[in-house]
């Protein structure tokens, strides 16, 4: 008989978690048990988001797109496909590097983009996009328009899960991985982690049954790895 499904623990903000759950279930072809418990809250800093006078903007997260508002056809260079989709929906002429910060820098430089550019970002960031582009001759400024804060999960959230329950936890950044580590009851669950990067894996909760680092830092690769873990359980 197939083994019972583990619970998928999603810790992104609720809307993003629901989108990711749908991605996973779409790849798997069936519903999976899921617990949504955000560990990160997004807070706008109040900094201006206007980009008049810039040849284009850079987005390395969907949160920045949502705070930036309407693009009115301005060029937007985005780190991933989902971010580019959000930017396009907001009226930007968006394109995706479909990768990480290094891929984004390479795409912008490879296209011969002209500055100045503006990176609208969160307080927590990796990759040095503005600095990297400026060093390569494309003047790029940056502006922090939101911050992430850790949101501890109330103990009652864990009540549906018995001690020793199998849990799969995707982590999409070192910050969210650290936030989960600080709020997850240590040793309570049989935990497997799917990490978007080495840095996220290192910050993930411990102890764990296994850590799976995806080959490409995007939601599609994360969803495929999650689905693969559920397929493997079904085959047992």
C-alpha atoms as a PDB file:
ATOM      1  CA  UNK A   1       0.000   0.000   0.000  1.00  0.00           C
ATOM      2  CA  UNK A   2       1.215   3.547  -0.652  1.00  0.00           C
ATOM      3  CA  UNK A   3       2.502   5.431   2.377  1.00  0.00           C
ATOM      4  CA  UNK A   4       0.333   8.252   3.776  1.00  0.00           C
ATOM      5  CA  UNK A   5       1.151  11.652   2.357  1.00  0.00           C
ATOM      6  CA  UNK A   6       3.328  14.012   4.387  1.00  0.00           C
ATOM      7  CA  UNK A   7       1.932  17.455   5.147  1.00  0.00           C
ATOM      8  CA  UNK A   8       3.215  20.278   2.951  1.00  0.00           C
ATOM      9  CA  UNK A   9       4.159  23.189   5.237  1.00  0.00           C
ATOM     10  CA  UNK A  10       4.036  26.503   3.362  1.00  0.00           C
ATOM     11  CA  UNK A  11       5.381  29.553   5.141  1.00  0.00           C
ATOM     12  CA  UNK A  12       5.166  32.300   2.512  1.00  0.00           C
ATOM     13  CA  UNK A  13       2.389  34.926   2.735  1.00  0.00           C
ATOM     14  CA  UNK A  14      -0.993  33.317   2.178  1.00  0.00           C
ATOM     15  CA  UNK A  15      -1.593  34.243  -1.471  1.00  0.00           C
ATOM     16  CA  UNK A  16       1.909  33.156  -2.507  1.00  0.00           C
ATOM     17  CA  UNK A  17       1.493  29.903  -0.581  1.00  0.00           C
ATOM     18  CA  UNK A  18      -1.802  29.144  -2.307  1.00  0.00           C
ATOM     19  CA  UNK A  19      -0.180  29.736  -5.713  1.00  0.00           C
ATOM     20  CA  UNK A  20       2.678  27.410  -4.847  1.00  0.00           C
ATOM     21  CA  UNK A  21       0.327  24.754  -3.532  1.00  0.00           C
ATOM     22  CA  UNK A  22      -1.531  24.873  -6.860  1.00  0.00           C
ATOM     23  CA  UNK A  23       1.778  24.476  -8.733  1.00  0.00           C
ATOM     24  CA  UNK A  24       2.662  21.394  -6.709  1.00  0.00           C
ATOM     25  CA  UNK A  25      -0.754  19.786  -7.033  1.00  0.00           C
ATOM     26  CA  UNK A  26      -0.810  20.539 -10.756  1.00  0.00           C
ATOM     27  CA  UNK A  27       2.425  18.650 -11.243  1.00  0.00           C
ATOM     28  CA  UNK A  28       1.326  15.813  -9.008  1.00  0.00           C
ATOM     29  CA  UNK A  29      -2.189  15.561 -10.435  1.00  0.00           C
ATOM     30  CA  UNK A  30      -3.933  15.346  -7.082  1.00  0.00           C
ATOM     31  CA  UNK A  31      -4.520  17.207  -3.844  1.00  0.00           C
ATOM     32  CA  UNK A  32      -2.026  16.992  -1.015  1.00  0.00           C
ATOM     33  CA  UNK A  33      -2.448  17.795   2.689  1.00  0.00           C
ATOM     34  CA  UNK A  34      -1.228  21.322   3.328  1.00  0.00           C
ATOM     35  CA  UNK A  35      -0.715  23.662   6.264  1.00  0.00           C
ATOM     36  CA  UNK A  36      -0.183  27.362   5.499  1.00  0.00           C
ATOM     37  CA  UNK A  37       1.581  29.190   8.304  1.00  0.00           C
ATOM     38  CA  UNK A  38       3.345  32.391   7.154  1.00  0.00           C
ATOM     39  CA  UNK A  39       6.570  33.137   9.032  1.00  0.00           C
ATOM     40  CA  UNK A  40       7.374  36.402   7.218  1.00  0.00           C
ATOM     41  CA  UNK A  41       5.389  39.638   7.068  1.00  0.00           C
ATOM     42  CA  UNK A  42       5.975  42.242   4.337  1.00  0.00           C
ATOM     43  CA  UNK A  43       5.984  45.885   5.444  1.00  0.00           C
ATOM     44  CA  UNK A  44       6.396  48.813   3.008  1.00  0.00           C
ATOM     45  CA  UNK A  45       9.053  51.260   4.173  1.00  0.00           C
ATOM     46  CA  UNK A  46       7.204  54.273   2.804  1.00  0.00           C
ATOM     47  CA  UNK A  47      10.082  55.096   0.452  1.00  0.00           C
ATOM     48  CA  UNK A  48       8.979  56.561  -2.894  1.00  0.00           C
ATOM     49  CA  UNK A  49       8.491  53.988  -5.627  1.00  0.00           C
ATOM     50  CA  UNK A  50       8.483  56.365  -8.595  1.00  0.00           C
ATOM     51  CA  UNK A  51      11.129  55.733 -11.233  1.00  0.00           C
ATOM     52  CA  UNK A  52      10.837  58.800 -13.466  1.00  0.00           C
ATOM     53  CA  UNK A  53      14.163  59.561 -15.120  1.00  0.00           C
ATOM     54  CA  UNK A  54      15.274  55.913 -15.144  1.00  0.00           C
ATOM     55  CA  UNK A  55      15.582  53.828 -18.290  1.00  0.00           C
ATOM     56  CA  UNK A  56      14.130  50.838 -16.464  1.00  0.00           C
ATOM     57  CA  UNK A  57      13.557  49.176 -13.125  1.00  0.00           C
ATOM     58  CA  UNK A  58      14.836  45.938 -11.641  1.00  0.00           C
ATOM     59  CA  UNK A  59      12.714  43.595  -9.550  1.00  0.00           C
ATOM     60  CA  UNK A  60      14.126  40.669  -7.581  1.00  0.00           C
ATOM     61  CA  UNK A  61      10.860  39.829  -5.834  1.00  0.00           C
ATOM     62  CA  UNK A  62       7.144  39.890  -6.437  1.00  0.00           C
ATOM     63  CA  UNK A  63       6.686  41.880  -3.218  1.00  0.00           C
ATOM     64  CA  UNK A  64       8.566  44.800  -4.765  1.00  0.00           C
ATOM     65  CA  UNK A  65       6.337  44.676  -7.840  1.00  0.00           C
ATOM     66  CA  UNK A  66       3.188  44.755  -5.727  1.00  0.00           C
ATOM     67  CA  UNK A  67       4.422  47.777  -3.774  1.00  0.00           C
ATOM     68  CA  UNK A  68       5.782  49.608  -6.833  1.00  0.00           C
ATOM     69  CA  UNK A  69       2.377  49.967  -8.470  1.00  0.00           C
ATOM     70  CA  UNK A  70       1.704  50.570 -12.161  1.00  0.00           C
ATOM     71  CA  UNK A  71       4.491  50.530 -14.701  1.00  0.00           C
ATOM     72  CA  UNK A  72       3.038  52.499 -17.628  1.00  0.00           C
ATOM     73  CA  UNK A  73       5.095  50.511 -20.122  1.00  0.00           C
ATOM     74  CA  UNK A  74       8.471  51.068 -18.457  1.00  0.00           C
ATOM     75  CA  UNK A  75      11.122  48.368 -18.948  1.00  0.00           C
ATOM     76  CA  UNK A  76      11.417  45.957 -16.021  1.00  0.00           C
ATOM     77  CA  UNK A  77      14.198  43.414 -15.610  1.00  0.00           C
ATOM     78  CA  UNK A  78      13.029  40.592 -13.344  1.00  0.00           C
ATOM     79  CA  UNK A  79      14.908  37.797 -11.638  1.00  0.00           C
ATOM     80  CA  UNK A  80      12.280  35.110 -12.255  1.00  0.00           C
ATOM     81  CA  UNK A  81       9.260  34.187 -14.306  1.00  0.00           C
ATOM     82  CA  UNK A  82       6.667  34.779 -11.599  1.00  0.00           C
ATOM     83  CA  UNK A  83       8.084  38.216 -10.820  1.00  0.00           C
ATOM     84  CA  UNK A  84       8.002  39.061 -14.532  1.00  0.00           C
ATOM     85  CA  UNK A  85       4.383  37.912 -14.778  1.00  0.00           C
ATOM     86  CA  UNK A  86       3.421  40.198 -11.907  1.00  0.00           C
ATOM     87  CA  UNK A  87       5.328  43.093 -13.463  1.00  0.00           C
ATOM     88  CA  UNK A  88       3.656  42.543 -16.834  1.00  0.00           C
ATOM     89  CA  UNK A  89       0.249  42.514 -15.149  1.00  0.00           C
ATOM     90  CA  UNK A  90       1.152  45.814 -13.486  1.00  0.00           C
ATOM     91  CA  UNK A  91       1.885  47.415 -16.846  1.00  0.00           C
ATOM     92  CA  UNK A  92       5.663  47.065 -17.068  1.00  0.00           C
ATOM     93  CA  UNK A  93       7.433  45.811 -20.196  1.00  0.00           C
ATOM     94  CA  UNK A  94       8.885  42.928 -18.229  1.00  0.00           C
ATOM     95  CA  UNK A  95      11.364  40.208 -19.028  1.00  0.00           C
ATOM     96  CA  UNK A  96      12.707  37.396 -16.875  1.00  0.00           C
ATOM     97  CA  UNK A  97      16.230  36.115 -16.285  1.00  0.00           C
ATOM     98  CA  UNK A  98      14.650  32.894 -14.986  1.00  0.00           C
ATOM     99  CA  UNK A  99      17.426  32.428 -12.464  1.00  0.00           C
ATOM    100  CA  UNK A 100      19.243  34.204  -9.664  1.00  0.00           C
ATOM    101  CA  UNK A 101      20.933  37.580  -9.210  1.00  0.00           C
ATOM    102  CA  UNK A 102      23.952  36.535 -11.284  1.00  0.00           C
ATOM    103  CA  UNK A 103      21.667  35.464 -14.147  1.00  0.00           C
ATOM    104  CA  UNK A 104      19.811  38.762 -13.903  1.00  0.00           C
ATOM    105  CA  UNK A 105      23.016  40.796 -14.113  1.00  0.00           C
ATOM    106  CA  UNK A 106      24.206  38.689 -17.057  1.00  0.00           C
ATOM    107  CA  UNK A 107      20.921  39.207 -18.908  1.00  0.00           C
ATOM    108  CA  UNK A 108      20.957  42.980 -18.472  1.00  0.00           C
ATOM    109  CA  UNK A 109      24.608  43.297 -19.479  1.00  0.00           C
ATOM    110  CA  UNK A 110      24.181  40.868 -22.368  1.00  0.00           C
ATOM    111  CA  UNK A 111      21.348  42.944 -23.799  1.00  0.00           C
ATOM    112  CA  UNK A 112      23.461  46.068 -23.735  1.00  0.00           C
ATOM    113  CA  UNK A 113      20.910  47.810 -21.550  1.00  0.00           C
ATOM    114  CA  UNK A 114      21.408  51.526 -20.980  1.00  0.00           C
ATOM    115  CA  UNK A 115      21.209  53.141 -17.584  1.00  0.00           C
ATOM    116  CA  UNK A 116      20.354  54.580 -15.349  1.00  0.00           C
ATOM    117  CA  UNK A 117      18.374  51.716 -13.833  1.00  0.00           C
ATOM    118  CA  UNK A 118      16.629  51.533 -10.471  1.00  0.00           C
ATOM    119  CA  UNK A 119      16.519  48.381  -8.327  1.00  0.00           C
ATOM    120  CA  UNK A 120      13.391  48.474  -6.150  1.00  0.00           C
ATOM    121  CA  UNK A 121      14.019  45.904  -3.461  1.00  0.00           C
ATOM    122  CA  UNK A 122      13.538  44.662   0.075  1.00  0.00           C
ATOM    123  CA  UNK A 123      15.864  45.323   2.989  1.00  0.00           C
ATOM    124  CA  UNK A 124      17.074  41.713   2.844  1.00  0.00           C
ATOM    125  CA  UNK A 125      18.790  40.983  -0.443  1.00  0.00           C
ATOM    126  CA  UNK A 126      21.633  38.939  -1.897  1.00  0.00           C
ATOM    127  CA  UNK A 127      23.620  39.155  -5.088  1.00  0.00           C
ATOM    128  CA  UNK A 128      24.628  42.829  -5.187  1.00  0.00           C
ATOM    129  CA  UNK A 129      22.652  43.586  -8.338  1.00  0.00           C
ATOM    130  CA  UNK A 130      23.033  47.383  -8.328  1.00  0.00           C
ATOM    131  CA  UNK A 131      26.711  47.224  -7.431  1.00  0.00           C
ATOM    132  CA  UNK A 132      27.416  44.517 -10.001  1.00  0.00           C
ATOM    133  CA  UNK A 133      25.746  46.398 -12.834  1.00  0.00           C
ATOM    134  CA  UNK A 134      27.360  49.706 -11.934  1.00  0.00           C
ATOM    135  CA  UNK A 135      30.786  48.055 -11.969  1.00  0.00           C
ATOM    136  CA  UNK A 136      30.034  46.850 -15.493  1.00  0.00           C
ATOM    137  CA  UNK A 137      29.204  50.320 -16.706  1.00  0.00           C
ATOM    138  CA  UNK A 138      25.414  50.371 -16.277  1.00  0.00           C
ATOM    139  CA  UNK A 139      24.625  52.991 -13.649  1.00  0.00           C
ATOM    140  CA  UNK A 140      22.151  51.404 -11.233  1.00  0.00           C
ATOM    141  CA  UNK A 141      20.658  52.888  -8.100  1.00  0.00           C
ATOM    142  CA  UNK A 142      18.732  50.961  -5.467  1.00  0.00           C
ATOM    143  CA  UNK A 143      15.899  51.835  -3.157  1.00  0.00           C
ATOM    144  CA  UNK A 144      14.537  49.770  -0.252  1.00  0.00           C
ATOM    145  CA  UNK A 145      10.737  49.871  -0.511  1.00  0.00           C
ATOM    146  CA  UNK A 146       9.836  47.060   1.884  1.00  0.00           C
ATOM    147  CA  UNK A 147      11.217  45.082   4.748  1.00  0.00           C
ATOM    148  CA  UNK A 148      10.582  41.546   5.891  1.00  0.00           C
ATOM    149  CA  UNK A 149       9.847  40.851   9.536  1.00  0.00           C
ATOM    150  CA  UNK A 150       9.692  37.476  11.218  1.00  0.00           C
ATOM    151  CA  UNK A 151       6.219  36.435  12.305  1.00  0.00           C
ATOM    152  CA  UNK A 152       6.294  33.656  14.917  1.00  0.00           C
ATOM    153  CA  UNK A 153       3.684  30.955  14.407  1.00  0.00           C
ATOM    154  CA  UNK A 154       1.277  30.542  17.354  1.00  0.00           C
ATOM    155  CA  UNK A 155       1.622  27.105  19.010  1.00  0.00           C
ATOM    156  CA  UNK A 156      -2.006  26.206  18.243  1.00  0.00           C
ATOM    157  CA  UNK A 157      -1.188  26.149  14.513  1.00  0.00           C
ATOM    158  CA  UNK A 158       0.651  22.851  15.036  1.00  0.00           C
ATOM    159  CA  UNK A 159      -2.266  21.073  16.730  1.00  0.00           C
ATOM    160  CA  UNK A 160      -3.483  19.299  13.544  1.00  0.00           C
ATOM    161  CA  UNK A 161      -0.082  17.571  13.314  1.00  0.00           C
ATOM    162  CA  UNK A 162       0.766  14.773  15.722  1.00  0.00           C
ATOM    163  CA  UNK A 163       4.323  14.582  17.060  1.00  0.00           C
ATOM    164  CA  UNK A 164       6.454  12.637  14.598  1.00  0.00           C
ATOM    165  CA  UNK A 165       4.283  13.594  11.599  1.00  0.00           C
ATOM    166  CA  UNK A 166       6.084  13.759   8.272  1.00  0.00           C
ATOM    167  CA  UNK A 167       6.359  17.317   6.973  1.00  0.00           C
ATOM    168  CA  UNK A 168       7.822  18.757   3.761  1.00  0.00           C
ATOM    169  CA  UNK A 169       8.851  22.402   4.088  1.00  0.00           C
ATOM    170  CA  UNK A 170       9.896  24.434   1.025  1.00  0.00           C
ATOM    171  CA  UNK A 171      12.116  27.416   1.915  1.00  0.00           C
ATOM    172  CA  UNK A 172      12.478  30.216  -0.642  1.00  0.00           C
ATOM    173  CA  UNK A 173      15.143  32.391   0.982  1.00  0.00           C
ATOM    174  CA  UNK A 174      17.677  32.341   3.805  1.00  0.00           C
ATOM    175  CA  UNK A 175      15.502  34.868   5.665  1.00  0.00           C
ATOM    176  CA  UNK A 176      12.358  32.735   5.562  1.00  0.00           C
ATOM    177  CA  UNK A 177      14.385  29.622   6.390  1.00  0.00           C
ATOM    178  CA  UNK A 178      15.785  31.367   9.464  1.00  0.00           C
ATOM    179  CA  UNK A 179      12.298  32.543  10.441  1.00  0.00           C
ATOM    180  CA  UNK A 180      10.990  28.980  10.196  1.00  0.00           C
ATOM    181  CA  UNK A 181      13.923  27.679  12.237  1.00  0.00           C
ATOM    182  CA  UNK A 182      13.070  30.081  15.034  1.00  0.00           C
ATOM    183  CA  UNK A 183       9.386  29.163  15.257  1.00  0.00           C
ATOM    184  CA  UNK A 184       9.187  25.457  14.321  1.00  0.00           C
ATOM    185  CA  UNK A 185       9.079  23.193  17.394  1.00  0.00           C
ATOM    186  CA  UNK A 186      12.478  21.485  17.343  1.00  0.00           C
ATOM    187  CA  UNK A 187      12.378  17.746  16.862  1.00  0.00           C
ATOM    188  CA  UNK A 188       8.580  17.584  16.825  1.00  0.00           C
ATOM    189  CA  UNK A 189       8.227  16.529  13.169  1.00  0.00           C
ATOM    190  CA  UNK A 190       9.949  14.212  10.710  1.00  0.00           C
ATOM    191  CA  UNK A 191      11.024  17.086   8.481  1.00  0.00           C
ATOM    192  CA  UNK A 192      12.246  17.204   4.886  1.00  0.00           C
ATOM    193  CA  UNK A 193      13.305  20.551   3.414  1.00  0.00           C
ATOM    194  CA  UNK A 194      13.208  21.704  -0.212  1.00  0.00           C
ATOM    195  CA  UNK A 195      15.552  24.692  -0.535  1.00  0.00           C
ATOM    196  CA  UNK A 196      15.853  27.240  -3.317  1.00  0.00           C
ATOM    197  CA  UNK A 197      19.586  27.751  -2.694  1.00  0.00           C
ATOM    198  CA  UNK A 198      22.544  26.545  -0.664  1.00  0.00           C
ATOM    199  CA  UNK A 199      22.168  29.563   1.618  1.00  0.00           C
ATOM    200  CA  UNK A 200      18.499  28.772   2.264  1.00  0.00           C
ATOM    201  CA  UNK A 201      19.400  25.148   2.987  1.00  0.00           C
ATOM    202  CA  UNK A 202      22.029  26.184   5.526  1.00  0.00           C
ATOM    203  CA  UNK A 203      19.507  28.373   7.369  1.00  0.00           C
ATOM    204  CA  UNK A 204      16.763  25.697   7.356  1.00  0.00           C
ATOM    205  CA  UNK A 205      15.506  24.030  10.545  1.00  0.00           C
ATOM    206  CA  UNK A 206      17.427  21.095  11.963  1.00  0.00           C
ATOM    207  CA  UNK A 207      17.329  18.170  12.521  1.00  0.00           C
ATOM    208  CA  UNK A 208      15.883  17.058   9.190  1.00  0.00           C
ATOM    209  CA  UNK A 209      15.326  13.792   7.363  1.00  0.00           C
ATOM    210  CA  UNK A 210      16.703  15.284   4.133  1.00  0.00           C
ATOM    211  CA  UNK A 211      17.476  18.586   2.414  1.00  0.00           C
ATOM    212  CA  UNK A 212      16.865  18.868  -1.330  1.00  0.00           C
ATOM    213  CA  UNK A 213      18.407  21.874  -3.095  1.00  0.00           C
ATOM    214  CA  UNK A 214      16.779  22.552  -6.443  1.00  0.00           C
ATOM    215  CA  UNK A 215      18.913  22.897  -9.603  1.00  0.00           C
ATOM    216  CA  UNK A 216      17.291  26.182 -10.655  1.00  0.00           C
ATOM    217  CA  UNK A 217      16.302  28.929  -8.179  1.00  0.00           C
ATOM    218  CA  UNK A 218      12.663  29.353  -9.175  1.00  0.00           C
ATOM    219  CA  UNK A 219       9.198  28.282  -8.103  1.00  0.00           C
ATOM    220  CA  UNK A 220       8.817  25.788 -10.954  1.00  0.00           C
ATOM    221  CA  UNK A 221      11.885  23.830  -9.847  1.00  0.00           C
ATOM    222  CA  UNK A 222      10.723  23.986  -6.225  1.00  0.00           C
ATOM    223  CA  UNK A 223       7.285  22.643  -7.166  1.00  0.00           C
ATOM    224  CA  UNK A 224       8.784  19.853  -9.264  1.00  0.00           C
ATOM    225  CA  UNK A 225      11.009  18.739  -6.386  1.00  0.00           C
ATOM    226  CA  UNK A 226       8.071  18.756  -3.977  1.00  0.00           C
ATOM    227  CA  UNK A 227       5.988  16.727  -6.433  1.00  0.00           C
ATOM    228  CA  UNK A 228       8.873  14.270  -6.854  1.00  0.00           C
ATOM    229  CA  UNK A 229       8.946  13.631  -3.109  1.00  0.00           C
ATOM    230  CA  UNK A 230       5.219  12.855  -3.121  1.00  0.00           C
ATOM    231  CA  UNK A 231       5.569  10.580  -6.157  1.00  0.00           C
ATOM    232  CA  UNK A 232       8.290   8.671  -4.372  1.00  0.00           C
ATOM    233  CA  UNK A 233       6.037   8.140  -1.364  1.00  0.00           C
ATOM    234  CA  UNK A 234       3.190   6.893  -3.573  1.00  0.00           C
ATOM    235  CA  UNK A 235       5.537   4.358  -5.142  1.00  0.00           C
ATOM    236  CA  UNK A 236       6.589   2.931  -1.781  1.00  0.00           C
END
